[in-house]
Amino acid sequence: MTHLSEKELNTIKDLLSEEELLVKKFKMLAEHADNGQLKCQMEDIAAKHQGHFNELYQKLS
């Protein structure tokens, strides 16, 4: 593992929080979508941000 500075760790922590929030928002939007195509798009965007979250989280291991 690469040793990260405190500033880098704080930046990753902030990015993780932002990505987590985006996942929650897009999942909520998908749940409330009346249009099937729109629902699918919101779920895809949520999955994309979950992938971002997972990649960032791996940087901490």
Protein backbone atom coordinates (compact mmCIF):
# COMPACT_ATOMS: atom_id res chain seq x y z
CA MET A 1 0.00 0.00 0.00
CA THR A 2 1.16 3.47 -0.82
CA HIS A 3 1.43 5.72 2.19
CA LEU A 4 -0.94 8.63 1.82
CA SER A 5 -0.52 12.02 3.41
CA GLU A 6 -3.11 13.36 5.83
CA LYS A 7 -4.30 15.78 3.13
CA GLU A 8 -4.73 12.93 0.63
CA LEU A 9 -6.62 10.84 3.20
CA ASN A 10 -8.93 13.75 3.98
CA THR A 11 -9.55 14.32 0.27
CA ILE A 12 -10.42 10.65 -0.23
CA LYS A 13 -12.70 10.78 2.79
CA ASP A 14 -14.51 13.82 1.35
CA LEU A 15 -14.82 12.13 -2.05
CA LEU A 16 -16.20 8.97 -0.44
CA SER A 17 -18.86 11.04 1.31
CA GLU A 18 -19.79 12.78 -1.92
CA GLU A 19 -20.01 9.54 -3.88
CA GLU A 20 -22.08 7.91 -1.13
CA LEU A 21 -24.50 10.82 -1.20
CA LEU A 22 -24.81 10.62 -5.00
CA VAL A 23 -25.53 6.88 -4.81
CA LYS A 24 -28.30 7.51 -2.28
CA LYS A 25 -29.79 10.39 -4.29
CA PHE A 26 -29.88 8.50 -7.60
CA LYS A 27 -31.32 5.38 -5.96
CA MET A 28 -34.05 7.54 -4.42
CA LEU A 29 -34.73 9.18 -7.79
CA ALA A 30 -34.96 5.73 -9.41
CA GLU A 31 -37.45 4.60 -6.77
CA HIS A 32 -39.69 7.58 -7.49
CA ALA A 33 -39.41 7.53 -11.29
CA ASP A 34 -42.65 6.80 -13.12
CA ASN A 35 -40.93 6.31 -16.45
CA GLY A 36 -39.17 2.94 -16.85
CA GLN A 37 -36.43 4.36 -19.05
CA LEU A 38 -35.72 7.17 -16.60
CA LYS A 39 -35.69 4.68 -13.71
CA CYS A 40 -33.12 2.58 -15.54
CA GLN A 41 -30.94 5.63 -16.21
CA MET A 42 -31.04 6.67 -12.55
CA GLU A 43 -30.10 3.12 -11.48
CA ASP A 44 -27.20 3.13 -13.97
CA ILE A 45 -25.93 6.46 -12.62
CA ALA A 46 -26.21 5.16 -9.04
CA ALA A 47 -24.18 2.09 -10.04
CA LYS A 48 -21.54 4.30 -11.67
CA HIS A 49 -21.13 6.32 -8.48
CA GLN A 50 -21.05 3.11 -6.42
CA GLY A 51 -18.15 2.03 -8.62
CA HIS A 52 -16.39 5.34 -7.92
CA PHE A 53 -16.97 4.80 -4.20
CA ASN A 54 -15.56 1.27 -4.36
CA GLU A 55 -12.43 2.40 -6.24
CA LEU A 56 -11.77 5.17 -3.73
CA TYR A 57 -12.35 2.83 -0.80
CA GLN A 58 -9.77 0.41 -2.22
CA LYS A 59 -7.19 3.21 -2.05
CA LEU A 60 -7.54 3.06 1.73
CA SER A 61 -6.75 -0.67 1.98
